[in-house]
Amino acid sequence: MKKIIRMIVFSGVGIYLTFLWNRGFIIHFDPFTFLETTLLVAIAYYLVIPIAKVILLPINILTFGLLSIALYALTFYALTNYTGFIQVHGWTFEGLTLLGVSIHKTRVDYLANLFLVSLSISVIIRLLNRLI
């Protein structure tokens, strides 16, 4: 039971933190809708993707793990298209300068943003799993 609650909380934190930095990632913040979205993401990330990775293990080995990134994006694509809870759009990144490193203003299209959102949420969930 403890693991299931952690899974749901980590998914919610990942969704919320991604929403904060990504302007092309839109969530409807009705509490019931957010909980439902969190549950769907938790089920996808903790059940669907590991099963798909096991089934597609030979292809994942041949592509040096790139299939995993595609699986995350494909799962998130299904979540955005078949539910109305999450929306992913293209957006313009205004640029950033941090510690002498500068990233210029860039247009992020729908497909690139789908990969960014899925990568961001999966990294946040993994970091939380390792830290706590």
C-alpha atoms as a PDB file:
ATOM      1  CA  MET A   1       0.000   0.000   0.000  1.00  0.00           C
ATOM      2  CA  LYS A   2       2.876   2.335   0.857  1.00  0.00           C
ATOM      3  CA  LYS A   3       4.455   1.785  -2.552  1.00  0.00           C
ATOM      4  CA  ILE A   4       1.199   2.546  -4.368  1.00  0.00           C
ATOM      5  CA  ILE A   5       0.726   5.820  -2.501  1.00  0.00           C
ATOM      6  CA  ARG A   6       4.345   6.804  -3.201  1.00  0.00           C
ATOM      7  CA  MET A   7       3.809   5.999  -6.866  1.00  0.00           C
ATOM      8  CA  ILE A   8       0.748   8.255  -7.052  1.00  0.00           C
ATOM      9  CA  VAL A   9       2.370  11.104  -5.114  1.00  0.00           C
ATOM     10  CA  PHE A  10       5.553  10.987  -7.212  1.00  0.00           C
ATOM     11  CA  SER A  11       3.504  11.061 -10.406  1.00  0.00           C
ATOM     12  CA  GLY A  12       1.553  14.071  -9.145  1.00  0.00           C
ATOM     13  CA  VAL A  13       4.746  15.904  -8.202  1.00  0.00           C
ATOM     14  CA  GLY A  14       6.254  15.104 -11.607  1.00  0.00           C
ATOM     15  CA  ILE A  15       3.202  16.420 -13.427  1.00  0.00           C
ATOM     16  CA  TYR A  16       3.079  19.585 -11.335  1.00  0.00           C
ATOM     17  CA  LEU A  17       6.803  20.394 -11.639  1.00  0.00           C
ATOM     18  CA  THR A  18       6.680  19.836 -15.392  1.00  0.00           C
ATOM     19  CA  PHE A  19       3.683  22.142 -15.596  1.00  0.00           C
ATOM     20  CA  LEU A  20       5.659  24.866 -13.798  1.00  0.00           C
ATOM     21  CA  TRP A  21       8.503  25.071 -16.306  1.00  0.00           C
ATOM     22  CA  ASN A  22       6.852  23.969 -19.566  1.00  0.00           C
ATOM     23  CA  ARG A  23       4.419  26.524 -21.011  1.00  0.00           C
ATOM     24  CA  GLY A  24       3.162  24.099 -23.652  1.00  0.00           C
ATOM     25  CA  PHE A  25       2.012  21.587 -21.027  1.00  0.00           C
ATOM     26  CA  ILE A  26      -1.469  22.453 -19.775  1.00  0.00           C
ATOM     27  CA  ILE A  27      -3.300  20.751 -16.930  1.00  0.00           C
ATOM     28  CA  HIS A  28      -6.796  21.488 -15.692  1.00  0.00           C
ATOM     29  CA  PHE A  29      -6.419  21.988 -11.936  1.00  0.00           C
ATOM     30  CA  ASP A  30      -9.761  20.748 -10.772  1.00  0.00           C
ATOM     31  CA  PRO A  31      -8.795  18.477  -7.811  1.00  0.00           C
ATOM     32  CA  PHE A  32     -10.704  15.473  -9.125  1.00  0.00           C
ATOM     33  CA  THR A  33      -9.288  15.907 -12.623  1.00  0.00           C
ATOM     34  CA  PHE A  34      -5.736  16.295 -11.297  1.00  0.00           C
ATOM     35  CA  LEU A  35      -6.112  13.150  -9.182  1.00  0.00           C
ATOM     36  CA  GLU A  36      -7.477  11.217 -12.144  1.00  0.00           C
ATOM     37  CA  THR A  37      -4.617  12.425 -14.348  1.00  0.00           C
ATOM     38  CA  THR A  38      -2.094  11.489 -11.668  1.00  0.00           C
ATOM     39  CA  LEU A  39      -3.579   8.003 -11.401  1.00  0.00           C
ATOM     40  CA  LEU A  40      -3.433   7.518 -15.172  1.00  0.00           C
ATOM     41  CA  VAL A  41       0.191   8.657 -15.348  1.00  0.00           C
ATOM     42  CA  ALA A  42       1.110   6.450 -12.383  1.00  0.00           C
ATOM     43  CA  ILE A  43      -0.513   3.414 -14.002  1.00  0.00           C
ATOM     44  CA  ALA A  44       1.206   4.146 -17.301  1.00  0.00           C
ATOM     45  CA  TYR A  45       4.658   4.717 -15.799  1.00  0.00           C
ATOM     46  CA  TYR A  46       4.599   1.890 -13.278  1.00  0.00           C
ATOM     47  CA  LEU A  47       2.647  -0.818 -15.113  1.00  0.00           C
ATOM     48  CA  VAL A  48       2.373  -0.270 -18.859  1.00  0.00           C
ATOM     49  CA  ILE A  49       5.915   0.890 -19.624  1.00  0.00           C
ATOM     50  CA  PRO A  50       7.756  -1.849 -17.655  1.00  0.00           C
ATOM     51  CA  ILE A  51       5.640  -4.535 -19.338  1.00  0.00           C
ATOM     52  CA  ALA A  52       6.308  -2.990 -22.756  1.00  0.00           C
ATOM     53  CA  LYS A  53      10.042  -2.806 -21.989  1.00  0.00           C
ATOM     54  CA  VAL A  54      10.137  -6.505 -21.155  1.00  0.00           C
ATOM     55  CA  ILE A  55       8.233  -7.434 -24.300  1.00  0.00           C
ATOM     56  CA  LEU A  56      10.406  -5.196 -26.492  1.00  0.00           C
ATOM     57  CA  LEU A  57      13.712  -5.948 -24.739  1.00  0.00           C
ATOM     58  CA  PRO A  58      15.611  -7.142 -27.847  1.00  0.00           C
ATOM     59  CA  ILE A  59      14.710  -3.979 -29.771  1.00  0.00           C
ATOM     60  CA  ASN A  60      15.575  -1.840 -26.747  1.00  0.00           C
ATOM     61  CA  ILE A  61      19.026  -3.462 -26.564  1.00  0.00           C
ATOM     62  CA  LEU A  62      19.622  -2.933 -30.283  1.00  0.00           C
ATOM     63  CA  THR A  63      18.696   0.740 -30.070  1.00  0.00           C
ATOM     64  CA  PHE A  64      20.813   1.303 -26.926  1.00  0.00           C
ATOM     65  CA  GLY A  65      17.778   2.307 -24.850  1.00  0.00           C
ATOM     66  CA  LEU A  66      16.295   4.802 -27.295  1.00  0.00           C
ATOM     67  CA  LEU A  67      13.148   2.717 -27.462  1.00  0.00           C
ATOM     68  CA  SER A  68      12.516   3.560 -23.805  1.00  0.00           C
ATOM     69  CA  ILE A  69      12.305   7.258 -24.624  1.00  0.00           C
ATOM     70  CA  ALA A  70       9.942   6.500 -27.483  1.00  0.00           C
ATOM     71  CA  LEU A  71       7.783   4.367 -25.166  1.00  0.00           C
ATOM     72  CA  TYR A  72       7.464   7.219 -22.672  1.00  0.00           C
ATOM     73  CA  ALA A  73       6.503   9.639 -25.451  1.00  0.00           C
ATOM     74  CA  LEU A  74       4.049   7.176 -26.997  1.00  0.00           C
ATOM     75  CA  THR A  75       2.424   6.570 -23.633  1.00  0.00           C
ATOM     76  CA  PHE A  76       2.105  10.279 -23.012  1.00  0.00           C
ATOM     77  CA  TYR A  77       0.721  10.772 -26.531  1.00  0.00           C
ATOM     78  CA  ALA A  78      -2.002   8.247 -25.729  1.00  0.00           C
ATOM     79  CA  LEU A  79      -2.764   9.993 -22.440  1.00  0.00           C
ATOM     80  CA  THR A  80      -3.092  13.386 -24.106  1.00  0.00           C
ATOM     81  CA  ASN A  81      -5.167  12.230 -27.055  1.00  0.00           C
ATOM     82  CA  TYR A  82      -7.567   9.858 -25.338  1.00  0.00           C
ATOM     83  CA  THR A  83      -8.208  11.901 -22.210  1.00  0.00           C
ATOM     84  CA  GLY A  84      -9.051  15.572 -21.931  1.00  0.00           C
ATOM     85  CA  PHE A  85      -7.074  16.094 -18.740  1.00  0.00           C
ATOM     86  CA  ILE A  86      -3.714  17.017 -20.225  1.00  0.00           C
ATOM     87  CA  GLN A  87      -2.905  19.137 -23.261  1.00  0.00           C
ATOM     88  CA  VAL A  88       0.464  19.410 -24.954  1.00  0.00           C
ATOM     89  CA  HIS A  89       1.109  22.209 -27.454  1.00  0.00           C
ATOM     90  CA  GLY A  90       4.048  23.799 -29.156  1.00  0.00           C
ATOM     91  CA  TRP A  91       5.468  26.845 -27.382  1.00  0.00           C
ATOM     92  CA  THR A  92       8.300  29.356 -27.512  1.00  0.00           C
ATOM     93  CA  PHE A  93      11.084  28.993 -24.968  1.00  0.00           C
ATOM     94  CA  GLU A  94      12.146  32.551 -24.139  1.00  0.00           C
ATOM     95  CA  GLY A  95      15.775  31.683 -23.465  1.00  0.00           C
ATOM     96  CA  LEU A  96      17.886  31.313 -20.346  1.00  0.00           C
ATOM     97  CA  THR A  97      21.291  32.330 -19.044  1.00  0.00           C
ATOM     98  CA  LEU A  98      22.572  30.359 -16.094  1.00  0.00           C
ATOM     99  CA  LEU A  99      26.146  30.256 -14.798  1.00  0.00           C
ATOM    100  CA  GLY A 100      27.520  31.665 -18.029  1.00  0.00           C
ATOM    101  CA  VAL A 101      25.647  29.177 -20.217  1.00  0.00           C
ATOM    102  CA  SER A 102      23.103  30.749 -22.504  1.00  0.00           C
ATOM    103  CA  ILE A 103      20.215  29.092 -24.311  1.00  0.00           C
ATOM    104  CA  HIS A 104      18.664  31.281 -26.979  1.00  0.00           C
ATOM    105  CA  LYS A 105      14.990  31.794 -27.710  1.00  0.00           C
ATOM    106  CA  THR A 106      13.697  28.631 -29.376  1.00  0.00           C
ATOM    107  CA  ARG A 107      10.412  27.416 -30.802  1.00  0.00           C
ATOM    108  CA  VAL A 108       9.453  23.969 -29.468  1.00  0.00           C
ATOM    109  CA  ASP A 109       6.940  22.174 -31.684  1.00  0.00           C
ATOM    110  CA  TYR A 110       4.334  19.630 -30.578  1.00  0.00           C
ATOM    111  CA  LEU A 111       6.410  16.481 -31.086  1.00  0.00           C
ATOM    112  CA  ALA A 112       9.511  17.894 -29.389  1.00  0.00           C
ATOM    113  CA  ASN A 113       7.383  19.123 -26.496  1.00  0.00           C
ATOM    114  CA  LEU A 114       5.773  15.692 -26.159  1.00  0.00           C
ATOM    115  CA  PHE A 115       9.254  14.188 -25.771  1.00  0.00           C
ATOM    116  CA  LEU A 116      10.271  16.968 -23.333  1.00  0.00           C
ATOM    117  CA  VAL A 117       7.185  16.455 -21.160  1.00  0.00           C
ATOM    118  CA  SER A 118       7.548  12.685 -21.031  1.00  0.00           C
ATOM    119  CA  LEU A 119      11.284  12.953 -20.342  1.00  0.00           C
ATOM    120  CA  SER A 120      10.752  15.554 -17.620  1.00  0.00           C
ATOM    121  CA  ILE A 121       8.086  13.573 -15.799  1.00  0.00           C
ATOM    122  CA  SER A 122      10.049  10.323 -15.992  1.00  0.00           C
ATOM    123  CA  VAL A 123      13.250  11.991 -14.711  1.00  0.00           C
ATOM    124  CA  ILE A 124      11.396  13.611 -11.802  1.00  0.00           C
ATOM    125  CA  ILE A 125       9.726  10.328 -10.855  1.00  0.00           C
ATOM    126  CA  ARG A 126      13.054   8.460 -11.000  1.00  0.00           C
ATOM    127  CA  LEU A 127      14.831  11.109  -8.923  1.00  0.00           C
ATOM    128  CA  LEU A 128      12.124  11.011  -6.280  1.00  0.00           C
ATOM    129  CA  ASN A 129      12.265   7.196  -6.211  1.00  0.00           C
ATOM    130  CA  ARG A 130      16.019   7.293  -5.641  1.00  0.00           C
ATOM    131  CA  LEU A 131      15.966  10.101  -3.079  1.00  0.00           C
ATOM    132  CA  ILE A 132      13.111   8.827  -0.940  1.00  0.00           C
END
